[in-house]
Amino acid sequence: MPVSGMSTGTADQLYLALRVAAIEDYLDHADPLPFIADDLFINFDEKRAAAGFRVLDELAKKTQVLFFTRHEHLVDVARKTLDDAVSIVTLPVASNSPTPRSEAA
C-alpha cells in the first residue's frame, strides 16, 4: 500500500518507525545526537501514543529524546505511561499582543 493510501495516524506510525530505525542505525557507528519530535503523536489514539512513548523511552537509553507538544492530553499520556522516566517542562503561553519596540531617535 502506498503511503498516500494510509490514514494520517498510520502514516505517522510509519514515520516514527523509520525515524527510530534511522537513529538507532546511526547510533551504532557515531556519537549520539538528540532525537527531536514535534507533536509526533497528535494523530495517535491514547493506546498508540502510549506505545510510542514507550518506544521513545527505549530510545532515551541510547540518546537524548526531546518531545515537544502543545497538546495537554499527550503530556498526560506521557506521565501515565512513563511515570518517573519523563521530565516535563511547561513553557509560558505567548500573548497575542506584540511587544512594543523602542525606536532610536
PDB file of N, CA and C in Angstrom:
ATOM      1  N   MET A   1       0.846  -1.160   0.000  1.00  0.00           N
ATOM      2  CA  MET A   1       0.000   0.000   0.000  1.00  0.00           C
ATOM      3  C   MET A   1       0.902   1.237   0.000  1.00  0.00           C
ATOM      4  N   PRO A   2       0.624   2.198  -0.871  1.00  0.00           N
ATOM      5  CA  PRO A   2       1.411   3.435  -0.847  1.00  0.00           C
ATOM      6  C   PRO A   2       1.050   4.273   0.380  1.00  0.00           C
ATOM      7  N   VAL A   3       1.995   5.098   0.806  1.00  0.00           N
ATOM      8  CA  VAL A   3       1.762   5.951   1.976  1.00  0.00           C
ATOM      9  C   VAL A   3       0.537   6.826   1.757  1.00  0.00           C
ATOM     10  N   SER A   4       0.308   7.260   0.532  1.00  0.00           N
ATOM     11  CA  SER A   4      -0.848   8.118   0.244  1.00  0.00           C
ATOM     12  C   SER A   4      -2.176   7.413   0.538  1.00  0.00           C
ATOM     13  N   GLY A   5      -2.172   6.083   0.590  1.00  0.00           N
ATOM     14  CA  GLY A   5      -3.384   5.330   0.895  1.00  0.00           C
ATOM     15  C   GLY A   5      -3.575   5.076   2.379  1.00  0.00           C
ATOM     16  N   MET A   6      -2.623   5.498   3.187  1.00  0.00           N
ATOM     17  CA  MET A   6      -2.699   5.274   4.636  1.00  0.00           C
ATOM     18  C   MET A   6      -3.426   6.427   5.317  1.00  0.00           C
ATOM     19  N   SER A   7      -4.018   6.120   6.463  1.00  0.00           N
ATOM     20  CA  SER A   7      -4.589   7.190   7.288  1.00  0.00           C
ATOM     21  C   SER A   7      -3.435   8.021   7.836  1.00  0.00           C
ATOM     22  N   THR A   8      -3.736   9.217   8.273  1.00  0.00           N
ATOM     23  CA  THR A   8      -2.704  10.091   8.825  1.00  0.00           C
ATOM     24  C   THR A   8      -2.022   9.440  10.018  1.00  0.00           C
ATOM     25  N   GLY A   9      -2.806   8.808  10.908  1.00  0.00           N
ATOM     26  CA  GLY A   9      -2.235   8.146  12.077  1.00  0.00           C
ATOM     27  C   GLY A   9      -1.306   7.009  11.697  1.00  0.00           C
ATOM     28  N   THR A  10      -1.701   6.203  10.713  1.00  0.00           N
ATOM     29  CA  THR A  10      -0.868   5.089  10.271  1.00  0.00           C
ATOM     30  C   THR A  10       0.410   5.596   9.612  1.00  0.00           C
ATOM     31  N   ALA A  11       0.299   6.638   8.801  1.00  0.00           N
ATOM     32  CA  ALA A  11       1.489   7.229   8.168  1.00  0.00           C
ATOM     33  C   ALA A  11       2.431   7.788   9.238  1.00  0.00           C
ATOM     34  N   ASP A  12       1.868   8.396  10.280  1.00  0.00           N
ATOM     35  CA  ASP A  12       2.706   8.909  11.375  1.00  0.00           C
ATOM     36  C   ASP A  12       3.414   7.782  12.109  1.00  0.00           C
ATOM     37  N   GLN A  13       2.746   6.637  12.269  1.00  0.00           N
ATOM     38  CA  GLN A  13       3.378   5.475  12.914  1.00  0.00           C
ATOM     39  C   GLN A  13       4.538   4.974  12.061  1.00  0.00           C
ATOM     40  N   LEU A  14       4.329   4.929  10.755  1.00  0.00           N
ATOM     41  CA  LEU A  14       5.398   4.521   9.843  1.00  0.00           C
ATOM     42  C   LEU A  14       6.564   5.505   9.935  1.00  0.00           C
ATOM     43  N   TYR A  15       6.265   6.785   9.945  1.00  0.00           N
ATOM     44  CA  TYR A  15       7.285   7.822  10.045  1.00  0.00           C
ATOM     45  C   TYR A  15       8.097   7.650  11.334  1.00  0.00           C
ATOM     46  N   LEU A  16       7.422   7.394  12.449  1.00  0.00           N
ATOM     47  CA  LEU A  16       8.115   7.168  13.716  1.00  0.00           C
ATOM     48  C   LEU A  16       9.030   5.947  13.615  1.00  0.00           C
ATOM     49  N   ALA A  17       8.530   4.856  13.079  1.00  0.00           N
ATOM     50  CA  ALA A  17       9.336   3.629  12.955  1.00  0.00           C
ATOM     51  C   ALA A  17      10.578   3.877  12.106  1.00  0.00           C
ATOM     52  N   LEU A  18      10.423   4.605  11.008  1.00  0.00           N
ATOM     53  CA  LEU A  18      11.561   4.892  10.134  1.00  0.00           C
ATOM     54  C   LEU A  18      12.569   5.817  10.818  1.00  0.00           C
ATOM     55  N   ARG A  19      12.086   6.819  11.525  1.00  0.00           N
ATOM     56  CA  ARG A  19      12.989   7.734  12.232  1.00  0.00           C
ATOM     57  C   ARG A  19      13.760   7.004  13.325  1.00  0.00           C
ATOM     58  N   VAL A  20      13.075   6.176  14.098  1.00  0.00           N
ATOM     59  CA  VAL A  20      13.747   5.441  15.177  1.00  0.00           C
ATOM     60  C   VAL A  20      14.758   4.460  14.595  1.00  0.00           C
ATOM     61  N   ALA A  21      14.391   3.771  13.525  1.00  0.00           N
ATOM     62  CA  ALA A  21      15.336   2.837  12.890  1.00  0.00           C
ATOM     63  C   ALA A  21      16.566   3.580  12.375  1.00  0.00           C
ATOM     64  N   ALA A  22      16.365   4.741  11.782  1.00  0.00           N
ATOM     65  CA  ALA A  22      17.492   5.515  11.243  1.00  0.00           C
ATOM     66  C   ALA A  22      18.411   5.994  12.366  1.00  0.00           C
ATOM     67  N   ILE A  23      17.837   6.483  13.450  1.00  0.00           N
ATOM     68  CA  ILE A  23      18.678   6.980  14.544  1.00  0.00           C
ATOM     69  C   ILE A  23      19.390   5.827  15.243  1.00  0.00           C
ATOM     70  N   GLU A  24      18.740   4.673  15.384  1.00  0.00           N
ATOM     71  CA  GLU A  24      19.410   3.522  16.005  1.00  0.00           C
ATOM     72  C   GLU A  24      20.563   3.034  15.131  1.00  0.00           C
ATOM     73  N   ASP A  25      20.360   3.033  13.818  1.00  0.00           N
ATOM     74  CA  ASP A  25      21.446   2.667  12.906  1.00  0.00           C
ATOM     75  C   ASP A  25      22.593   3.662  13.029  1.00  0.00           C
ATOM     76  N   TYR A  26      22.284   4.922  13.076  1.00  0.00           N
ATOM     77  CA  TYR A  26      23.290   5.969  13.218  1.00  0.00           C
ATOM     78  C   TYR A  26      24.074   5.792  14.522  1.00  0.00           C
ATOM     79  N   LEU A  27      23.360   5.498  15.608  1.00  0.00           N
ATOM     80  CA  LEU A  27      24.000   5.363  16.920  1.00  0.00           C
ATOM     81  C   LEU A  27      24.946   4.174  16.995  1.00  0.00           C
ATOM     82  N   ASP A  28      24.795   3.206  16.085  1.00  0.00           N
ATOM     83  CA  ASP A  28      25.690   2.048  16.061  1.00  0.00           C
ATOM     84  C   ASP A  28      27.115   2.420  15.662  1.00  0.00           C
ATOM     85  N   HIS A  29      27.284   3.554  14.980  1.00  0.00           N
ATOM     86  CA  HIS A  29      28.623   3.894  14.495  1.00  0.00           C
ATOM     87  C   HIS A  29      28.999   5.375  14.661  1.00  0.00           C
ATOM     88  N   ALA A  30      28.239   6.113  15.460  1.00  0.00           N
ATOM     89  CA  ALA A  30      28.546   7.534  15.631  1.00  0.00           C
ATOM     90  C   ALA A  30      28.160   7.996  17.033  1.00  0.00           C
ATOM     91  N   ASP A  31      28.630   9.183  17.378  1.00  0.00           N
ATOM     92  CA  ASP A  31      28.280   9.772  18.668  1.00  0.00           C
ATOM     93  C   ASP A  31      26.797  10.127  18.693  1.00  0.00           C
ATOM     94  N   PRO A  32      26.176  10.038  19.854  1.00  0.00           N
ATOM     95  CA  PRO A  32      24.742  10.321  19.947  1.00  0.00           C
ATOM     96  C   PRO A  32      24.396  11.773  19.611  1.00  0.00           C
ATOM     97  N   LEU A  33      23.281  11.933  18.949  1.00  0.00           N
ATOM     98  CA  LEU A  33      22.663  13.233  18.700  1.00  0.00           C
ATOM     99  C   LEU A  33      21.256  13.181  19.271  1.00  0.00           C
ATOM    100  N   PRO A  34      20.722  14.308  19.711  1.00  0.00           N
ATOM    101  CA  PRO A  34      19.350  14.278  20.252  1.00  0.00           C
ATOM    102  C   PRO A  34      18.330  13.873  19.197  1.00  0.00           C
ATOM    103  N   PHE A  35      17.317  13.180  19.638  1.00  0.00           N
ATOM    104  CA  PHE A  35      16.161  12.844  18.799  1.00  0.00           C
ATOM    105  C   PHE A  35      15.081  13.858  19.156  1.00  0.00           C
ATOM    106  N   ILE A  36      14.662  14.650  18.189  1.00  0.00           N
ATOM    107  CA  ILE A  36      13.685  15.709  18.439  1.00  0.00           C
ATOM    108  C   ILE A  36      12.392  15.377  17.724  1.00  0.00           C
ATOM    109  N   ALA A  37      11.306  15.372  18.487  1.00  0.00           N
ATOM    110  CA  ALA A  37       9.973  15.088  17.939  1.00  0.00           C
ATOM    111  C   ALA A  37       9.055  16.259  18.276  1.00  0.00           C
ATOM    112  N   ASP A  38       8.354  16.759  17.284  1.00  0.00           N
ATOM    113  CA  ASP A  38       7.443  17.885  17.480  1.00  0.00           C
ATOM    114  C   ASP A  38       6.029  17.435  17.156  1.00  0.00           C
ATOM    115  N   ASP A  39       5.219  17.262  18.205  1.00  0.00           N
ATOM    116  CA  ASP A  39       3.824  16.826  18.057  1.00  0.00           C
ATOM    117  C   ASP A  39       3.684  15.581  17.189  1.00  0.00           C
ATOM    118  N   LEU A  40       4.559  14.634  17.446  1.00  0.00           N
ATOM    119  CA  LEU A  40       4.598  13.410  16.654  1.00  0.00           C
ATOM    120  C   LEU A  40       3.362  12.539  16.833  1.00  0.00           C
ATOM    121  N   PHE A  41       2.697  12.621  17.978  1.00  0.00           N
ATOM    122  CA  PHE A  41       1.586  11.709  18.278  1.00  0.00           C
ATOM    123  C   PHE A  41       0.209  12.359  18.190  1.00  0.00           C
ATOM    124  N   ILE A  42       0.073  13.495  17.535  1.00  0.00           N
ATOM    125  CA  ILE A  42      -1.224  14.186  17.541  1.00  0.00           C
ATOM    126  C   ILE A  42      -2.321  13.393  16.838  1.00  0.00           C
ATOM    127  N   ASN A  43      -1.951  12.497  15.933  1.00  0.00           N
ATOM    128  CA  ASN A  43      -2.946  11.685  15.229  1.00  0.00           C
ATOM    129  C   ASN A  43      -3.049  10.269  15.784  1.00  0.00           C
ATOM    130  N   PHE A  44      -2.447  10.031  16.954  1.00  0.00           N
ATOM    131  CA  PHE A  44      -2.499   8.713  17.590  1.00  0.00           C
ATOM    132  C   PHE A  44      -3.607   8.702  18.631  1.00  0.00           C
ATOM    133  N   ASP A  45      -4.280   7.561  18.783  1.00  0.00           N
ATOM    134  CA  ASP A  45      -5.196   7.426  19.914  1.00  0.00           C
ATOM    135  C   ASP A  45      -4.336   7.205  21.165  1.00  0.00           C
ATOM    136  N   GLU A  46      -4.967   7.178  22.319  1.00  0.00           N
ATOM    137  CA  GLU A  46      -4.205   7.092  23.578  1.00  0.00           C
ATOM    138  C   GLU A  46      -3.352   5.834  23.653  1.00  0.00           C
ATOM    139  N   LYS A  47      -3.891   4.704  23.208  1.00  0.00           N
ATOM    140  CA  LYS A  47      -3.152   3.434  23.264  1.00  0.00           C
ATOM    141  C   LYS A  47      -1.896   3.498  22.383  1.00  0.00           C
ATOM    142  N   ARG A  48      -2.034   4.036  21.176  1.00  0.00           N
ATOM    143  CA  ARG A  48      -0.885   4.129  20.273  1.00  0.00           C
ATOM    144  C   ARG A  48       0.114   5.183  20.752  1.00  0.00           C
ATOM    145  N   ALA A  49      -0.385   6.282  21.328  1.00  0.00           N
ATOM    146  CA  ALA A  49       0.517   7.296  21.874  1.00  0.00           C
ATOM    147  C   ALA A  49       1.335   6.701  23.017  1.00  0.00           C
ATOM    148  N   ALA A  50       0.694   5.928  23.882  1.00  0.00           N
ATOM    149  CA  ALA A  50       1.409   5.279  24.988  1.00  0.00           C
ATOM    150  C   ALA A  50       2.490   4.339  24.444  1.00  0.00           C
ATOM    151  N   ALA A  51       2.158   3.580  23.410  1.00  0.00           N
ATOM    152  CA  ALA A  51       3.145   2.687  22.796  1.00  0.00           C
ATOM    153  C   ALA A  51       4.297   3.497  22.201  1.00  0.00           C
ATOM    154  N   GLY A  52       3.974   4.622  21.585  1.00  0.00           N
ATOM    155  CA  GLY A  52       5.003   5.495  21.022  1.00  0.00           C
ATOM    156  C   GLY A  52       5.912   6.052  22.098  1.00  0.00           C
ATOM    157  N   PHE A  53       5.334   6.451  23.231  1.00  0.00           N
ATOM    158  CA  PHE A  53       6.161   6.944  24.333  1.00  0.00           C
ATOM    159  C   PHE A  53       7.069   5.850  24.883  1.00  0.00           C
ATOM    160  N   ARG A  54       6.596   4.613  24.898  1.00  0.00           N
ATOM    161  CA  ARG A  54       7.462   3.510  25.348  1.00  0.00           C
ATOM    162  C   ARG A  54       8.636   3.313  24.375  1.00  0.00           C
ATOM    163  N   VAL A  55       8.379   3.471  23.078  1.00  0.00           N
ATOM    164  CA  VAL A  55       9.459   3.382  22.089  1.00  0.00           C
ATOM    165  C   VAL A  55      10.477   4.495  22.330  1.00  0.00           C
ATOM    166  N   LEU A  56       9.987   5.712  22.572  1.00  0.00           N
ATOM    167  CA  LEU A  56      10.897   6.831  22.838  1.00  0.00           C
ATOM    168  C   LEU A  56      11.664   6.628  24.146  1.00  0.00           C
ATOM    169  N   ASP A  57      11.019   5.990  25.121  1.00  0.00           N
ATOM    170  CA  ASP A  57      11.694   5.684  26.386  1.00  0.00           C
ATOM    171  C   ASP A  57      12.864   4.731  26.151  1.00  0.00           C
ATOM    172  N   GLU A  58      12.676   3.738  25.316  1.00  0.00           N
ATOM    173  CA  GLU A  58      13.772   2.813  24.980  1.00  0.00           C
ATOM    174  C   GLU A  58      14.886   3.552  24.239  1.00  0.00           C
ATOM    175  N   LEU A  59      14.504   4.427  23.319  1.00  0.00           N
ATOM    176  CA  LEU A  59      15.494   5.193  22.573  1.00  0.00           C
ATOM    177  C   LEU A  59      16.271   6.116  23.514  1.00  0.00           C
ATOM    178  N   ALA A  60      15.621   6.624  24.546  1.00  0.00           N
ATOM    179  CA  ALA A  60      16.256   7.537  25.504  1.00  0.00           C
ATOM    180  C   ALA A  60      17.368   6.855  26.300  1.00  0.00           C
ATOM    181  N   LYS A  61      17.419   5.535  26.272  1.00  0.00           N
ATOM    182  CA  LYS A  61      18.515   4.824  26.932  1.00  0.00           C
ATOM    183  C   LYS A  61      19.806   4.935  26.118  1.00  0.00           C
ATOM    184  N   LYS A  62      19.665   5.353  24.842  1.00  0.00           N
ATOM    185  CA  LYS A  62      20.823   5.451  23.949  1.00  0.00           C
ATOM    186  C   LYS A  62      21.173   6.893  23.590  1.00  0.00           C
ATOM    187  N   THR A  63      20.191   7.766  23.603  1.00  0.00           N
ATOM    188  CA  THR A  63      20.406   9.161  23.222  1.00  0.00           C
ATOM    189  C   THR A  63      19.333  10.035  23.857  1.00  0.00           C
ATOM    190  N   GLN A  64      19.574  11.321  23.863  1.00  0.00           N
ATOM    191  CA  GLN A  64      18.599  12.263  24.432  1.00  0.00           C
ATOM    192  C   GLN A  64      17.376  12.354  23.520  1.00  0.00           C
ATOM    193  N   VAL A  65      16.204  12.334  24.126  1.00  0.00           N
ATOM    194  CA  VAL A  65      14.954  12.461  23.380  1.00  0.00           C
ATOM    195  C   VAL A  65      14.227  13.711  23.863  1.00  0.00           C
ATOM    196  N   LEU A  66      13.891  14.577  22.922  1.00  0.00           N
ATOM    197  CA  LEU A  66      13.127  15.795  23.216  1.00  0.00           C
ATOM    198  C   LEU A  66      11.799  15.702  22.468  1.00  0.00           C
ATOM    199  N   PHE A  67      10.718  15.784  23.208  1.00  0.00           N
ATOM    200  CA  PHE A  67       9.377  15.671  22.616  1.00  0.00           C
ATOM    201  C   PHE A  67       8.635  16.968  22.905  1.00  0.00           C
ATOM    202  N   PHE A  68       8.278  17.686  21.868  1.00  0.00           N
ATOM    203  CA  PHE A  68       7.564  18.949  22.012  1.00  0.00           C
ATOM    204  C   PHE A  68       6.095  18.748  21.661  1.00  0.00           C
ATOM    205  N   THR A  69       5.215  19.337  22.472  1.00  0.00           N
ATOM    206  CA  THR A  69       3.793  19.289  22.165  1.00  0.00           C
ATOM    207  C   THR A  69       3.087  20.460  22.824  1.00  0.00           C
ATOM    208  N   ARG A  70       1.990  20.856  22.239  1.00  0.00           N
ATOM    209  CA  ARG A  70       1.108  21.839  22.863  1.00  0.00           C
ATOM    210  C   ARG A  70      -0.193  21.179  23.297  1.00  0.00           C
ATOM    211  N   HIS A  71      -0.245  19.864  23.160  1.00  0.00           N
ATOM    212  CA  HIS A  71      -1.453  19.092  23.464  1.00  0.00           C
ATOM    213  C   HIS A  71      -1.346  18.477  24.862  1.00  0.00           C
ATOM    214  N   GLU A  72      -2.134  19.006  25.772  1.00  0.00           N
ATOM    215  CA  GLU A  72      -2.082  18.579  27.173  1.00  0.00           C
ATOM    216  C   GLU A  72      -2.386  17.090  27.333  1.00  0.00           C
ATOM    217  N   HIS A  73      -3.266  16.539  26.481  1.00  0.00           N
ATOM    218  CA  HIS A  73      -3.588  15.117  26.619  1.00  0.00           C
ATOM    219  C   HIS A  73      -2.362  14.242  26.353  1.00  0.00           C
ATOM    220  N   LEU A  74      -1.440  14.685  25.502  1.00  0.00           N
ATOM    221  CA  LEU A  74      -0.224  13.903  25.272  1.00  0.00           C
ATOM    222  C   LEU A  74       0.718  13.981  26.473  1.00  0.00           C
ATOM    223  N   VAL A  75       0.728  15.115  27.148  1.00  0.00           N
ATOM    224  CA  VAL A  75       1.503  15.234  28.387  1.00  0.00           C
ATOM    225  C   VAL A  75       0.957  14.241  29.413  1.00  0.00           C
ATOM    226  N   ASP A  76      -0.367  14.165  29.509  1.00  0.00           N
ATOM    227  CA  ASP A  76      -0.998  13.227  30.445  1.00  0.00           C
ATOM    228  C   ASP A  76      -0.665  11.779  30.097  1.00  0.00           C
ATOM    229  N   VAL A  77      -0.697  11.445  28.801  1.00  0.00           N
ATOM    230  CA  VAL A  77      -0.363  10.078  28.372  1.00  0.00           C
ATOM    231  C   VAL A  77       1.100   9.769  28.707  1.00  0.00           C
ATOM    232  N   ALA A  78       1.991  10.724  28.472  1.00  0.00           N
ATOM    233  CA  ALA A  78       3.416  10.514  28.783  1.00  0.00           C
ATOM    234  C   ALA A  78       3.610  10.274  30.274  1.00  0.00           C
ATOM    235  N   ARG A  79       2.967  11.099  31.097  1.00  0.00           N
ATOM    236  CA  ARG A  79       3.091  10.922  32.557  1.00  0.00           C
ATOM    237  C   ARG A  79       2.552   9.565  32.993  1.00  0.00           C
ATOM    238  N   LYS A  80       1.405   9.208  32.470  1.00  0.00           N
ATOM    239  CA  LYS A  80       0.764   7.934  32.848  1.00  0.00           C
ATOM    240  C   LYS A  80       1.611   6.740  32.393  1.00  0.00           C
ATOM    241  N   THR A  81       2.191   6.850  31.208  1.00  0.00           N
ATOM    242  CA  THR A  81       2.936   5.730  30.621  1.00  0.00           C
ATOM    243  C   THR A  81       4.339   5.602  31.195  1.00  0.00           C
ATOM    244  N   LEU A  82       5.023   6.731  31.365  1.00  0.00           N
ATOM    245  CA  LEU A  82       6.444   6.697  31.729  1.00  0.00           C
ATOM    246  C   LEU A  82       6.720   7.037  33.185  1.00  0.00           C
ATOM    247  N   ASP A  83       5.734   7.541  33.886  1.00  0.00           N
ATOM    248  CA  ASP A  83       5.849   7.846  35.309  1.00  0.00           C
ATOM    249  C   ASP A  83       7.078   8.710  35.578  1.00  0.00           C
ATOM    250  N   ASP A  84       8.045   8.211  36.351  1.00  0.00           N
ATOM    251  CA  ASP A  84       9.211   8.994  36.734  1.00  0.00           C
ATOM    252  C   ASP A  84      10.275   9.079  35.639  1.00  0.00           C
ATOM    253  N   ALA A  85      10.100   8.353  34.559  1.00  0.00           N
ATOM    254  CA  ALA A  85      11.099   8.356  33.491  1.00  0.00           C
ATOM    255  C   ALA A  85      10.969   9.574  32.583  1.00  0.00           C
ATOM    256  N   VAL A  86       9.996  10.429  32.853  1.00  0.00           N
ATOM    257  CA  VAL A  86       9.773  11.590  31.991  1.00  0.00           C
ATOM    258  C   VAL A  86       9.967  12.879  32.791  1.00  0.00           C
ATOM    259  N   SER A  87      10.619  13.838  32.168  1.00  0.00           N
ATOM    260  CA  SER A  87      10.762  15.177  32.742  1.00  0.00           C
ATOM    261  C   SER A  87       9.973  16.123  31.855  1.00  0.00           C
ATOM    262  N   ILE A  88       9.028  16.823  32.443  1.00  0.00           N
ATOM    263  CA  ILE A  88       8.157  17.702  31.665  1.00  0.00           C
ATOM    264  C   ILE A  88       8.446  19.149  32.036  1.00  0.00           C
ATOM    265  N   VAL A  89       8.661  19.952  31.024  1.00  0.00           N
ATOM    266  CA  VAL A  89       8.873  21.385  31.190  1.00  0.00           C
ATOM    267  C   VAL A  89       7.744  22.093  30.465  1.00  0.00           C
ATOM    268  N   THR A  90       7.014  22.925  31.193  1.00  0.00           N
ATOM    269  CA  THR A  90       5.916  23.676  30.591  1.00  0.00           C
ATOM    270  C   THR A  90       6.375  25.112  30.378  1.00  0.00           C
ATOM    271  N   LEU A  91       6.280  25.551  29.143  1.00  0.00           N
ATOM    272  CA  LEU A  91       6.677  26.911  28.805  1.00  0.00           C
ATOM    273  C   LEU A  91       5.476  27.836  28.928  1.00  0.00           C
ATOM    274  N   PRO A  92       5.708  29.107  29.255  1.00  0.00           N
ATOM    275  CA  PRO A  92       4.580  30.033  29.347  1.00  0.00           C
ATOM    276  C   PRO A  92       3.947  30.254  27.975  1.00  0.00           C
ATOM    277  N   VAL A  93       2.655  30.495  27.985  1.00  0.00           N
ATOM    278  CA  VAL A  93       1.925  30.753  26.748  1.00  0.00           C
ATOM    279  C   VAL A  93       2.248  32.166  26.289  1.00  0.00           C
ATOM    280  N   ALA A  94       2.590  32.299  25.035  1.00  0.00           N
ATOM    281  CA  ALA A  94       2.896  33.624  24.489  1.00  0.00           C
ATOM    282  C   ALA A  94       1.608  34.419  24.333  1.00  0.00           C
ATOM    283  N   SER A  95       1.677  35.684  24.620  1.00  0.00           N
ATOM    284  CA  SER A  95       0.496  36.532  24.436  1.00  0.00           C
ATOM    285  C   SER A  95       0.373  36.891  22.962  1.00  0.00           C
ATOM    286  N   ASN A  96      -0.823  37.209  22.556  1.00  0.00           N
ATOM    287  CA  ASN A  96      -1.062  37.582  21.167  1.00  0.00           C
ATOM    288  C   ASN A  96      -0.669  39.026  20.879  1.00  0.00           C
ATOM    289  N   SER A  97      -0.453  39.803  21.938  1.00  0.00           N
ATOM    290  CA  SER A  97      -0.105  41.202  21.717  1.00  0.00           C
ATOM    291  C   SER A  97       1.387  41.341  21.450  1.00  0.00           C
ATOM    292  N   PRO A  98       1.727  42.075  20.412  1.00  0.00           N
ATOM    293  CA  PRO A  98       3.155  42.276  20.134  1.00  0.00           C
ATOM    294  C   PRO A  98       3.796  43.127  21.218  1.00  0.00           C
ATOM    295  N   THR A  99       5.040  42.852  21.488  1.00  0.00           N
ATOM    296  CA  THR A  99       5.788  43.619  22.474  1.00  0.00           C
ATOM    297  C   THR A  99       6.188  44.949  21.826  1.00  0.00           C
ATOM    298  N   PRO A 100       5.900  46.058  22.502  1.00  0.00           N
ATOM    299  CA  PRO A 100       6.285  47.348  21.913  1.00  0.00           C
ATOM    300  C   PRO A 100       7.797  47.456  21.778  1.00  0.00           C
ATOM    301  N   ARG A 101       8.225  48.018  20.676  1.00  0.00           N
ATOM    302  CA  ARG A 101       9.648  48.196  20.449  1.00  0.00           C
ATOM    303  C   ARG A 101       9.987  49.674  20.599  1.00  0.00           C
ATOM    304  N   SER A 102      11.142  49.906  21.164  1.00  0.00           N
ATOM    305  CA  SER A 102      11.569  51.305  21.269  1.00  0.00           C
ATOM    306  C   SER A 102      12.244  51.689  19.958  1.00  0.00           C
ATOM    307  N   GLU A 103      12.095  52.956  19.602  1.00  0.00           N
ATOM    308  CA  GLU A 103      12.691  53.443  18.361  1.00  0.00           C
ATOM    309  C   GLU A 103      13.868  54.350  18.692  1.00  0.00           C
ATOM    310  N   ALA A 104      14.898  54.251  17.886  1.00  0.00           N
ATOM    311  CA  ALA A 104      16.076  55.111  18.064  1.00  0.00           C
ATOM    312  C   ALA A 104      15.722  56.518  17.615  1.00  0.00           C
ATOM    313  N   ALA A 105      16.233  57.516  18.328  1.00  0.00           N
ATOM    314  CA  ALA A 105      15.950  58.920  17.968  1.00  0.00           C
ATOM    315  C   ALA A 105      16.856  59.399  16.880  1.00  0.00           C
TER     316      ALA A 105
END
